[in-house]
Amino acid sequence: MILQRWVPAAADGDRRVIVLDGEPVGVIRRVAVAGEFRCNMAAGAAVVADSVSTRDKEICDVLRPDLNRLGIVLAGIDVIGDRLTEINVTSPTGVREIDATCGTGLAQLIIERIEHRCWSLRPSREGLPAA
């Protein structure tokens, strides 16, 4: 069981911030439907375009060292008002919704960044004979 104090700002929805290499790169606001308090999309929340805020950047500045130390390249953080309420690392949803609602290319950015990381981790072939 997880308990979380009610944050009055939740009436305006919560914000899913996609974090890539410790930087906030995309945001979507999720607003609960009438009669529901949960703001997640699986519960039918409406999705509204939003943008990275100064507070998002401040939160990520605090999280970045730990995310880097733990090797977490991609995460989704949930923010209500100015409070961090959750960090999602196993399945940070919202990328498709951000791209569709905000007209961004976030999915492509994530794929390119991860591909680049994979290539940079390959052992050097310098000095080895050609195959």
N, C-alpha and C. Protein backbone atom coordinates (compact mmCIF):
# COMPACT_ATOMS: atom_id res chain seq x y z
N MET A 1 0.84 -1.16 0.00
CA MET A 1 0.00 0.00 0.00
C MET A 1 0.90 1.23 0.00
N ILE A 2 0.51 2.21 -0.79
CA ILE A 2 1.22 3.48 -0.84
C ILE A 2 0.23 4.57 -0.47
N LEU A 3 0.60 5.38 0.49
CA LEU A 3 -0.24 6.51 0.88
C LEU A 3 0.44 7.80 0.44
N GLN A 4 -0.37 8.71 -0.02
CA GLN A 4 0.16 10.00 -0.47
C GLN A 4 -0.80 11.09 0.01
N ARG A 5 -0.23 12.11 0.61
CA ARG A 5 -1.05 13.22 1.07
C ARG A 5 -1.69 13.90 -0.13
N TRP A 6 -2.95 14.31 0.02
CA TRP A 6 -3.66 15.03 -1.03
C TRP A 6 -3.02 16.41 -1.21
N VAL A 7 -2.69 16.73 -2.42
CA VAL A 7 -2.11 18.04 -2.73
C VAL A 7 -3.20 18.82 -3.46
N PRO A 8 -3.69 19.93 -2.89
CA PRO A 8 -4.79 20.67 -3.51
C PRO A 8 -4.57 21.03 -4.98
N ALA A 9 -3.32 21.24 -5.38
CA ALA A 9 -3.03 21.58 -6.78
C ALA A 9 -3.41 20.44 -7.73
N ALA A 10 -3.67 19.24 -7.19
CA ALA A 10 -4.06 18.10 -8.03
C ALA A 10 -5.38 18.36 -8.76
N ALA A 11 -6.17 19.29 -8.25
CA ALA A 11 -7.42 19.64 -8.93
C ALA A 11 -7.15 20.17 -10.34
N ASP A 12 -5.96 20.72 -10.56
CA ASP A 12 -5.56 21.22 -11.88
C ASP A 12 -4.85 20.15 -12.70
N GLY A 13 -4.74 18.94 -12.16
CA GLY A 13 -4.06 17.85 -12.84
C GLY A 13 -2.63 17.70 -12.36
N ASP A 14 -1.98 16.69 -12.91
CA ASP A 14 -0.56 16.54 -12.64
C ASP A 14 0.19 16.63 -13.95
N ARG A 15 1.50 16.67 -13.85
CA ARG A 15 2.32 16.82 -15.04
C ARG A 15 3.29 15.66 -15.11
N ARG A 16 3.33 14.98 -16.25
CA ARG A 16 4.33 13.94 -16.49
C ARG A 16 5.47 14.61 -17.25
N VAL A 17 6.63 14.58 -16.64
CA VAL A 17 7.83 15.17 -17.23
C VAL A 17 8.74 14.02 -17.64
N ILE A 18 9.10 13.97 -18.91
CA ILE A 18 10.03 12.95 -19.38
C ILE A 18 11.44 13.49 -19.18
N VAL A 19 12.26 12.67 -18.52
CA VAL A 19 13.63 13.05 -18.17
C VAL A 19 14.59 12.14 -18.94
N LEU A 20 15.49 12.75 -19.68
CA LEU A 20 16.46 12.02 -20.49
C LEU A 20 17.85 12.49 -20.10
N ASP A 21 18.68 11.57 -19.62
CA ASP A 21 20.02 11.92 -19.14
C ASP A 21 19.97 13.05 -18.11
N GLY A 22 18.96 13.00 -17.24
CA GLY A 22 18.85 13.97 -16.16
C GLY A 22 18.25 15.31 -16.55
N GLU A 23 17.84 15.46 -17.82
CA GLU A 23 17.29 16.73 -18.29
C GLU A 23 15.80 16.56 -18.62
N PRO A 24 14.96 17.52 -18.23
CA PRO A 24 13.55 17.45 -18.62
C PRO A 24 13.42 17.80 -20.11
N VAL A 25 12.87 16.88 -20.90
CA VAL A 25 12.82 17.09 -22.35
C VAL A 25 11.41 17.17 -22.91
N GLY A 26 10.40 16.87 -22.13
CA GLY A 26 9.02 16.95 -22.60
C GLY A 26 8.05 16.84 -21.46
N VAL A 27 6.88 17.45 -21.64
CA VAL A 27 5.88 17.48 -20.55
C VAL A 27 4.48 17.37 -21.14
N ILE A 28 3.64 16.70 -20.38
CA ILE A 28 2.21 16.65 -20.68
C ILE A 28 1.47 16.84 -19.36
N ARG A 29 0.37 17.58 -19.40
CA ARG A 29 -0.49 17.72 -18.21
C ARG A 29 -1.61 16.71 -18.34
N ARG A 30 -1.89 16.01 -17.24
CA ARG A 30 -2.97 15.03 -17.21
C ARG A 30 -4.02 15.51 -16.23
N VAL A 31 -5.25 15.63 -16.69
CA VAL A 31 -6.34 16.16 -15.87
C VAL A 31 -7.39 15.07 -15.69
N ALA A 32 -7.71 14.79 -14.43
CA ALA A 32 -8.68 13.74 -14.12
C ALA A 32 -10.06 14.07 -14.68
N VAL A 33 -10.78 13.03 -15.07
CA VAL A 33 -12.15 13.20 -15.54
C VAL A 33 -13.06 13.42 -14.33
N ALA A 34 -14.25 13.94 -14.58
CA ALA A 34 -15.21 14.21 -13.50
C ALA A 34 -15.47 12.94 -12.69
N GLY A 35 -15.45 13.07 -11.38
CA GLY A 35 -15.71 11.97 -10.48
C GLY A 35 -14.50 11.09 -10.20
N GLU A 36 -13.36 11.43 -10.73
CA GLU A 36 -12.13 10.66 -10.56
C GLU A 36 -11.05 11.57 -10.00
N PHE A 37 -10.26 11.07 -9.06
CA PHE A 37 -9.18 11.89 -8.52
C PHE A 37 -7.83 11.56 -9.14
N ARG A 38 -7.73 10.37 -9.76
CA ARG A 38 -6.46 9.97 -10.36
C ARG A 38 -6.27 10.68 -11.70
N CYS A 39 -5.05 11.13 -11.92
CA CYS A 39 -4.74 11.88 -13.14
C CYS A 39 -4.03 11.04 -14.19
N ASN A 40 -4.01 9.72 -14.01
CA ASN A 40 -3.28 8.93 -15.00
C ASN A 40 -4.15 8.63 -16.22
N MET A 41 -3.48 8.43 -17.34
CA MET A 41 -4.18 8.24 -18.60
C MET A 41 -4.99 6.95 -18.61
N ALA A 42 -4.52 5.92 -17.90
CA ALA A 42 -5.25 4.66 -17.84
C ALA A 42 -6.59 4.81 -17.15
N ALA A 43 -6.71 5.85 -16.31
CA ALA A 43 -7.97 6.12 -15.62
C ALA A 43 -8.84 7.10 -16.42
N GLY A 44 -8.41 7.41 -17.66
CA GLY A 44 -9.21 8.27 -18.53
C GLY A 44 -8.89 9.75 -18.47
N ALA A 45 -7.78 10.10 -17.85
CA ALA A 45 -7.42 11.52 -17.74
C ALA A 45 -7.29 12.17 -19.12
N ALA A 46 -7.69 13.42 -19.20
CA ALA A 46 -7.50 14.21 -20.42
C ALA A 46 -6.04 14.64 -20.49
N VAL A 47 -5.53 14.74 -21.70
CA VAL A 47 -4.13 15.11 -21.92
C VAL A 47 -4.10 16.51 -22.51
N VAL A 48 -3.29 17.38 -21.91
CA VAL A 48 -3.20 18.77 -22.32
C VAL A 48 -1.73 19.13 -22.55
N ALA A 49 -1.45 19.86 -23.63
CA ALA A 49 -0.08 20.28 -23.92
C ALA A 49 0.46 21.14 -22.78
N ASP A 50 1.74 20.99 -22.52
CA ASP A 50 2.41 21.77 -21.48
C ASP A 50 3.86 21.93 -21.92
N SER A 51 4.65 22.64 -21.13
CA SER A 51 6.05 22.83 -21.48
C SER A 51 6.91 22.73 -20.22
N VAL A 52 8.19 22.48 -20.43
CA VAL A 52 9.14 22.35 -19.33
C VAL A 52 9.20 23.69 -18.58
N SER A 53 9.08 23.61 -17.26
CA SER A 53 9.09 24.81 -16.43
C SER A 53 10.42 24.97 -15.70
N THR A 54 10.60 26.12 -15.11
CA THR A 54 11.77 26.36 -14.27
C THR A 54 11.81 25.37 -13.12
N ARG A 55 10.64 25.07 -12.55
CA ARG A 55 10.57 24.11 -11.43
C ARG A 55 10.97 22.71 -11.89
N ASP A 56 10.56 22.32 -13.10
CA ASP A 56 10.97 21.01 -13.63
C ASP A 56 12.49 20.93 -13.68
N LYS A 57 13.11 21.99 -14.15
CA LYS A 57 14.57 22.02 -14.26
C LYS A 57 15.22 21.94 -12.88
N GLU A 58 14.64 22.63 -11.89
CA GLU A 58 15.19 22.59 -10.53
C GLU A 58 15.09 21.17 -9.96
N ILE A 59 13.95 20.53 -10.16
CA ILE A 59 13.76 19.16 -9.66
C ILE A 59 14.78 18.23 -10.31
N CYS A 60 14.96 18.37 -11.62
CA CYS A 60 15.91 17.51 -12.33
C CYS A 60 17.35 17.77 -11.91
N ASP A 61 17.67 19.02 -11.58
CA ASP A 61 19.01 19.33 -11.08
C ASP A 61 19.31 18.56 -9.80
N VAL A 62 18.29 18.39 -8.95
CA VAL A 62 18.46 17.65 -7.70
C VAL A 62 18.54 16.14 -7.98
N LEU A 63 17.71 15.65 -8.90
CA LEU A 63 17.65 14.22 -9.19
C LEU A 63 18.83 13.72 -10.02
N ARG A 64 19.38 14.58 -10.89
CA ARG A 64 20.39 14.15 -11.87
C ARG A 64 21.53 13.32 -11.29
N PRO A 65 22.17 13.74 -10.20
CA PRO A 65 23.30 12.93 -9.69
C PRO A 65 22.89 11.50 -9.34
N ASP A 66 21.74 11.33 -8.72
CA ASP A 66 21.30 9.98 -8.35
C ASP A 66 20.87 9.18 -9.57
N LEU A 67 20.17 9.82 -10.52
CA LEU A 67 19.79 9.11 -11.75
C LEU A 67 21.04 8.64 -12.48
N ASN A 68 22.03 9.52 -12.60
CA ASN A 68 23.29 9.15 -13.27
C ASN A 68 24.00 8.02 -12.53
N ARG A 69 24.09 8.13 -11.20
CA ARG A 69 24.77 7.11 -10.40
C ARG A 69 24.10 5.75 -10.56
N LEU A 70 22.78 5.75 -10.70
CA LEU A 70 22.03 4.51 -10.83
C LEU A 70 21.92 4.03 -12.28
N GLY A 71 22.45 4.82 -13.21
CA GLY A 71 22.41 4.44 -14.62
C GLY A 71 21.05 4.60 -15.25
N ILE A 72 20.22 5.47 -14.71
CA ILE A 72 18.88 5.68 -15.24
C ILE A 72 18.94 6.76 -16.31
N VAL A 73 18.79 6.35 -17.55
CA VAL A 73 18.87 7.26 -18.69
C VAL A 73 17.52 7.91 -18.97
N LEU A 74 16.45 7.13 -18.84
CA LEU A 74 15.10 7.59 -19.16
C LEU A 74 14.19 7.40 -17.96
N ALA A 75 13.49 8.45 -17.58
CA ALA A 75 12.55 8.37 -16.47
C ALA A 75 11.37 9.29 -16.75
N GLY A 76 10.30 9.05 -16.04
CA GLY A 76 9.16 9.95 -16.07
C GLY A 76 8.89 10.39 -14.66
N ILE A 77 8.87 11.68 -14.44
CA ILE A 77 8.56 12.16 -13.09
C ILE A 77 7.18 12.80 -13.12
N ASP A 78 6.48 12.68 -12.01
CA ASP A 78 5.16 13.30 -11.88
C ASP A 78 5.28 14.46 -10.91
N VAL A 79 4.72 15.58 -11.33
CA VAL A 79 4.77 16.80 -10.54
C VAL A 79 3.35 17.32 -10.37
N ILE A 80 2.99 17.61 -9.13
CA ILE A 80 1.71 18.25 -8.83
C ILE A 80 2.04 19.58 -8.19
N GLY A 81 1.54 20.65 -8.80
CA GLY A 81 1.92 21.99 -8.33
C GLY A 81 3.41 22.13 -8.51
N ASP A 82 4.12 22.33 -7.41
CA ASP A 82 5.58 22.43 -7.49
C ASP A 82 6.27 21.25 -6.80
N ARG A 83 5.49 20.18 -6.53
CA ARG A 83 6.01 19.04 -5.78
C ARG A 83 6.23 17.82 -6.67
N LEU A 84 7.39 17.21 -6.50
CA LEU A 84 7.67 15.92 -7.12
C LEU A 84 6.88 14.87 -6.34
N THR A 85 6.06 14.08 -7.02
CA THR A 85 5.25 13.09 -6.32
C THR A 85 5.63 11.66 -6.67
N GLU A 86 6.32 11.47 -7.81
CA GLU A 86 6.63 10.11 -8.22
C GLU A 86 7.75 10.12 -9.25
N ILE A 87 8.56 9.06 -9.23
CA ILE A 87 9.60 8.86 -10.24
C ILE A 87 9.36 7.49 -10.86
N ASN A 88 9.14 7.46 -12.17
CA ASN A 88 8.87 6.21 -12.89
C ASN A 88 10.08 5.87 -13.73
N VAL A 89 10.66 4.69 -13.49
CA VAL A 89 11.86 4.31 -14.24
C VAL A 89 11.68 3.04 -15.06
N THR A 90 10.66 2.25 -14.78
CA THR A 90 10.51 1.00 -15.52
C THR A 90 9.67 1.17 -16.78
N SER A 91 8.74 2.10 -16.78
CA SER A 91 7.89 2.31 -17.94
C SER A 91 7.36 3.75 -17.93
N PRO A 92 8.22 4.70 -18.24
CA PRO A 92 7.79 6.11 -18.17
C PRO A 92 6.92 6.50 -19.36
N THR A 93 5.62 6.32 -19.19
CA THR A 93 4.67 6.60 -20.28
C THR A 93 4.51 8.10 -20.51
N GLY A 94 3.94 8.41 -21.64
CA GLY A 94 3.61 9.80 -21.96
C GLY A 94 4.32 10.33 -23.18
N VAL A 95 5.33 9.63 -23.68
CA VAL A 95 6.11 10.12 -24.82
C VAL A 95 5.22 10.28 -26.05
N ARG A 96 4.42 9.26 -26.35
CA ARG A 96 3.54 9.35 -27.53
C ARG A 96 2.55 10.50 -27.39
N GLU A 97 2.01 10.66 -26.19
CA GLU A 97 1.04 11.73 -25.97
C GLU A 97 1.69 13.10 -26.09
N ILE A 98 2.92 13.24 -25.60
CA ILE A 98 3.64 14.51 -25.72
C ILE A 98 3.87 14.82 -27.20
N ASP A 99 4.34 13.83 -27.94
CA ASP A 99 4.59 14.05 -29.37
C ASP A 99 3.30 14.42 -30.10
N ALA A 100 2.21 13.71 -29.83
CA ALA A 100 0.94 13.96 -30.52
C ALA A 100 0.32 15.30 -30.14
N THR A 101 0.40 15.65 -28.87
CA THR A 101 -0.26 16.86 -28.38
C THR A 101 0.59 18.11 -28.57
N CYS A 102 1.89 17.97 -28.42
CA CYS A 102 2.78 19.14 -28.46
C CYS A 102 3.50 19.28 -29.80
N GLY A 103 3.36 18.28 -30.68
CA GLY A 103 4.01 18.35 -31.99
C GLY A 103 5.52 18.23 -31.92
N THR A 104 6.02 17.50 -30.93
CA THR A 104 7.46 17.33 -30.75
C THR A 104 7.94 16.03 -31.38
N GLY A 105 9.22 15.82 -31.39
CA GLY A 105 9.83 14.58 -31.86
C GLY A 105 10.56 13.89 -30.72
N LEU A 106 9.92 13.84 -29.57
CA LEU A 106 10.54 13.31 -28.36
C LEU A 106 10.92 11.83 -28.51
N ALA A 107 10.05 11.03 -29.11
CA ALA A 107 10.36 9.61 -29.29
C ALA A 107 11.63 9.45 -30.11
N GLN A 108 11.77 10.21 -31.18
CA GLN A 108 12.96 10.13 -32.02
C GLN A 108 14.21 10.56 -31.23
N LEU A 109 14.09 11.63 -30.44
CA LEU A 109 15.22 12.09 -29.62
C LEU A 109 15.68 11.00 -28.66
N ILE A 110 14.73 10.34 -28.02
CA ILE A 110 15.06 9.29 -27.05
C ILE A 110 15.77 8.13 -27.76
N ILE A 111 15.25 7.70 -28.88
CA ILE A 111 15.86 6.60 -29.62
C ILE A 111 17.27 6.97 -30.05
N GLU A 112 17.44 8.16 -30.60
CA GLU A 112 18.77 8.59 -31.04
C GLU A 112 19.75 8.66 -29.88
N ARG A 113 19.31 9.18 -28.75
CA ARG A 113 20.20 9.30 -27.59
C ARG A 113 20.62 7.93 -27.08
N ILE A 114 19.67 6.99 -27.02
CA ILE A 114 19.99 5.66 -26.54
C ILE A 114 20.90 4.93 -27.54
N GLU A 115 20.62 5.09 -28.84
CA GLU A 115 21.51 4.50 -29.86
C GLU A 115 22.93 5.05 -29.71
N HIS A 116 23.05 6.34 -29.52
CA HIS A 116 24.36 6.96 -29.35
C HIS A 116 25.08 6.38 -28.14
N ARG A 117 24.35 6.21 -27.04
CA ARG A 117 24.96 5.63 -25.83
C ARG A 117 25.44 4.21 -26.10
N CYS A 118 24.63 3.43 -26.82
CA CYS A 118 25.02 2.04 -27.13
C CYS A 118 26.29 2.02 -27.98
N TRP A 119 26.34 2.88 -28.99
CA TRP A 119 27.53 2.92 -29.84
C TRP A 119 28.76 3.35 -29.05
N SER A 120 28.59 4.27 -28.13
CA SER A 120 29.74 4.75 -27.36
C SER A 120 30.23 3.70 -26.36
N LEU A 121 29.41 2.73 -26.04
CA LEU A 121 29.81 1.67 -25.10
C LEU A 121 30.53 0.52 -25.78
N ARG A 122 30.49 0.48 -27.11
CA ARG A 122 31.16 -0.60 -27.84
C ARG A 122 32.67 -0.50 -27.64
N PRO A 123 33.33 -1.64 -27.50
CA PRO A 123 34.79 -1.61 -27.35
C PRO A 123 35.44 -1.04 -28.62
N SER A 124 36.51 -0.36 -28.42
CA SER A 124 37.24 0.23 -29.55
C SER A 124 37.83 -0.88 -30.40
N ARG A 125 37.75 -0.68 -31.71
CA ARG A 125 38.36 -1.66 -32.64
C ARG A 125 39.67 -1.12 -33.18
N GLU A 126 40.11 -0.01 -32.61
CA GLU A 126 41.35 0.61 -33.07
C GLU A 126 42.51 -0.37 -32.88
N GLY A 127 43.33 -0.51 -33.91
CA GLY A 127 44.50 -1.38 -33.83
C GLY A 127 44.20 -2.84 -34.14
N LEU A 128 42.92 -3.18 -34.36
CA LEU A 128 42.57 -4.55 -34.69
C LEU A 128 42.55 -4.73 -36.20
N PRO A 129 42.89 -5.91 -36.70
CA PRO A 129 42.84 -6.12 -38.15
C PRO A 129 41.42 -6.05 -38.67
N ALA A 130 41.26 -5.63 -39.90
CA ALA A 130 39.93 -5.54 -40.52
C ALA A 130 39.35 -6.94 -40.62
N ALA A 131 38.04 -7.04 -40.45
CA ALA A 131 37.36 -8.34 -40.50
C ALA A 131 37.17 -8.81 -41.92
